[in-house]
Amino acid sequence: MDMLASIQQLLKPLFPGVLGIELSEVSPERVVATMQVRPELCTTGEVLHGGAIMAFADTLGAVATFANLPKGARTTTIESKTNFLGAAPAGSRVTGECTPFHRGRTTMVWQTLVKSEAGKLCAVVTQTQMVLPAPPKA
């Protein structure tokens, strides 16, 4: 099973699966995914909730870091900043594209652009992921 399929399978029973995140590209340089804007992910005005956008982008940054981790290492988000620029209406689909600013040994910094189906920029998310070394063998 390739990396994209194995990560998608891993995420399916977890929160990213509940959100309906569908990965379409996973590489050390870029992660791309889509998410359907379902009514239960919306706020008033029938537009995608900001928290759903942040969770979508956080997932992409974590997946991107995972694609760059040394064997046995793990990751966790230590900082995230979101600029909300536009809305995505219920019934549409958003696309996220995550690319690196920095891929270091102890931290990685990613930018995710979240766009509407119409190509309008909805949010820009910058997040820092900590690289946690593999636990020592007992």
Protein backbone atom coordinates (compact mmCIF):
# COMPACT_ATOMS: atom_id res chain seq x y z
CA MET A 1 0.00 0.00 0.00
CA ASP A 2 1.42 3.42 -0.92
CA MET A 3 1.90 6.23 1.62
CA LEU A 4 -1.24 8.16 0.60
CA ALA A 5 -3.50 5.11 0.90
CA SER A 6 -1.98 3.98 4.21
CA ILE A 7 -2.33 7.45 5.78
CA GLN A 8 -5.92 7.79 4.50
CA GLN A 9 -6.73 4.38 6.05
CA LEU A 10 -5.05 5.40 9.33
CA LEU A 11 -7.08 8.65 9.51
CA LYS A 12 -10.45 7.15 8.52
CA PRO A 13 -11.64 6.12 12.03
CA LEU A 14 -10.19 9.27 13.66
CA PHE A 15 -11.31 12.93 13.73
CA PRO A 16 -9.98 13.65 10.20
CA GLY A 17 -12.21 10.81 9.00
CA VAL A 18 -15.19 12.33 10.79
CA LEU A 19 -14.45 15.60 8.99
CA GLY A 20 -14.38 13.69 5.71
CA ILE A 21 -10.87 14.72 4.71
CA GLU A 22 -9.82 13.04 1.46
CA LEU A 23 -6.12 13.07 0.68
CA SER A 24 -5.24 13.33 -3.02
CA GLU A 25 -1.47 13.92 -2.82
CA VAL A 26 1.08 13.14 -0.11
CA SER A 27 4.79 13.76 -0.56
CA PRO A 28 7.56 15.26 1.58
CA GLU A 29 7.13 18.52 -0.39
CA ARG A 30 3.35 18.86 -0.59
CA VAL A 31 0.06 17.53 0.75
CA VAL A 32 -3.24 18.18 -1.03
CA ALA A 33 -6.69 17.19 0.24
CA THR A 34 -10.36 18.07 -0.07
CA MET A 35 -13.24 18.24 2.37
CA GLN A 36 -16.97 18.42 1.66
CA VAL A 37 -18.66 21.37 3.40
CA ARG A 38 -21.46 19.46 5.15
CA PRO A 39 -24.17 21.27 7.16
CA GLU A 40 -22.87 19.80 10.44
CA LEU A 41 -19.48 21.47 9.78
CA CYS A 42 -21.06 24.89 9.26
CA THR A 43 -21.87 27.91 11.37
CA THR A 44 -24.66 30.48 10.94
CA GLY A 45 -25.11 31.58 7.38
CA GLU A 46 -24.50 28.01 6.20
CA VAL A 47 -20.74 28.50 5.73
CA LEU A 48 -17.85 26.32 6.87
CA HIS A 49 -17.00 26.86 10.54
CA GLY A 50 -13.57 28.36 11.26
CA GLY A 51 -12.75 25.49 13.61
CA ALA A 52 -13.39 23.00 10.81
CA ILE A 53 -11.04 24.96 8.55
CA MET A 54 -8.37 24.95 11.27
CA ALA A 55 -8.77 21.21 11.91
CA PHE A 56 -8.56 20.54 8.15
CA ALA A 57 -5.33 22.54 7.84
CA ASP A 58 -3.88 21.05 11.04
CA THR A 59 -4.40 17.58 9.63
CA LEU A 60 -2.60 18.48 6.40
CA GLY A 61 0.36 19.93 8.30
CA ALA A 62 0.58 16.83 10.49
CA VAL A 63 0.43 14.55 7.44
CA ALA A 64 3.14 16.61 5.72
CA THR A 65 5.36 16.35 8.79
CA PHE A 66 4.68 12.62 9.03
CA ALA A 67 5.85 12.25 5.42
CA ASN A 68 9.18 13.78 6.50
CA LEU A 69 9.74 12.00 9.82
CA PRO A 70 12.64 9.68 10.54
CA LYS A 71 11.64 6.10 11.31
CA GLY A 72 9.83 5.76 14.64
CA ALA A 73 9.51 9.53 15.26
CA ARG A 74 6.18 11.20 15.98
CA THR A 75 4.82 14.74 15.68
CA THR A 76 2.55 17.18 17.46
CA THR A 77 1.33 20.67 16.63
CA ILE A 78 2.90 23.31 18.87
CA GLU A 79 1.60 26.48 17.17
CA SER A 80 -1.00 27.38 14.58
CA LYS A 81 -2.16 30.71 13.17
CA THR A 82 -5.10 31.17 10.82
CA ASN A 83 -6.11 34.13 8.69
CA PHE A 84 -9.74 33.80 7.55
CA LEU A 85 -10.24 35.49 4.20
CA GLY A 86 -13.45 34.13 2.70
CA ALA A 87 -16.34 31.74 3.20
CA ALA A 88 -17.10 28.30 1.79
CA PRO A 89 -20.83 27.58 1.48
CA ALA A 90 -22.56 24.40 2.61
CA GLY A 91 -22.73 21.84 -0.17
CA SER A 92 -19.42 22.91 -1.71
CA ARG A 93 -15.95 21.39 -1.36
CA VAL A 94 -12.77 23.04 -0.08
CA THR A 95 -9.25 22.14 -1.16
CA GLY A 96 -6.17 22.49 1.00
CA GLU A 97 -2.60 22.65 -0.25
CA CYS A 98 0.14 22.37 2.35
CA THR A 99 3.76 23.28 1.58
CA PRO A 100 6.84 23.71 3.80
CA PHE A 101 8.48 26.86 5.05
CA HIS A 102 10.98 24.86 7.12
CA ARG A 103 11.73 21.14 7.52
CA GLY A 104 14.20 20.75 10.36
CA ARG A 105 15.27 17.99 12.73
CA THR A 106 13.21 19.26 15.69
CA THR A 107 10.51 21.44 14.10
CA MET A 108 8.75 21.84 10.78
CA VAL A 109 6.72 24.86 9.67
CA TRP A 110 3.96 24.50 7.08
CA GLN A 111 1.61 26.81 5.21
CA THR A 112 -1.79 25.55 4.13
CA LEU A 113 -3.92 27.47 1.64
CA VAL A 114 -7.61 26.57 1.89
CA LYS A 115 -9.62 27.44 -1.21
CA SER A 116 -13.28 27.20 -2.16
CA GLU A 117 -14.54 25.29 -5.19
CA ALA A 118 -14.58 28.61 -7.03
CA GLY A 119 -10.85 29.00 -6.31
CA LYS A 120 -11.39 31.77 -3.75
CA LEU A 121 -8.90 31.81 -0.89
CA CYS A 122 -10.79 31.04 2.33
CA ALA A 123 -7.89 30.81 4.79
CA VAL A 124 -4.13 30.80 5.16
CA VAL A 125 -2.86 28.63 8.01
CA THR A 126 0.73 28.59 9.26
CA GLN A 127 1.61 25.90 11.77
CA THR A 128 4.64 24.60 13.56
CA GLN A 129 5.01 20.88 14.17
CA MET A 130 7.42 19.48 16.76
CA VAL A 131 9.34 16.36 15.78
CA LEU A 132 9.31 13.92 18.68
CA PRO A 133 12.14 11.37 18.50
CA ALA A 134 11.42 7.67 18.55
CA PRO A 135 11.14 6.42 22.14
CA PRO A 136 14.21 4.52 23.38
CA LYS A 137 14.01 0.75 23.03
CA ALA A 138 13.57 -1.09 26.31
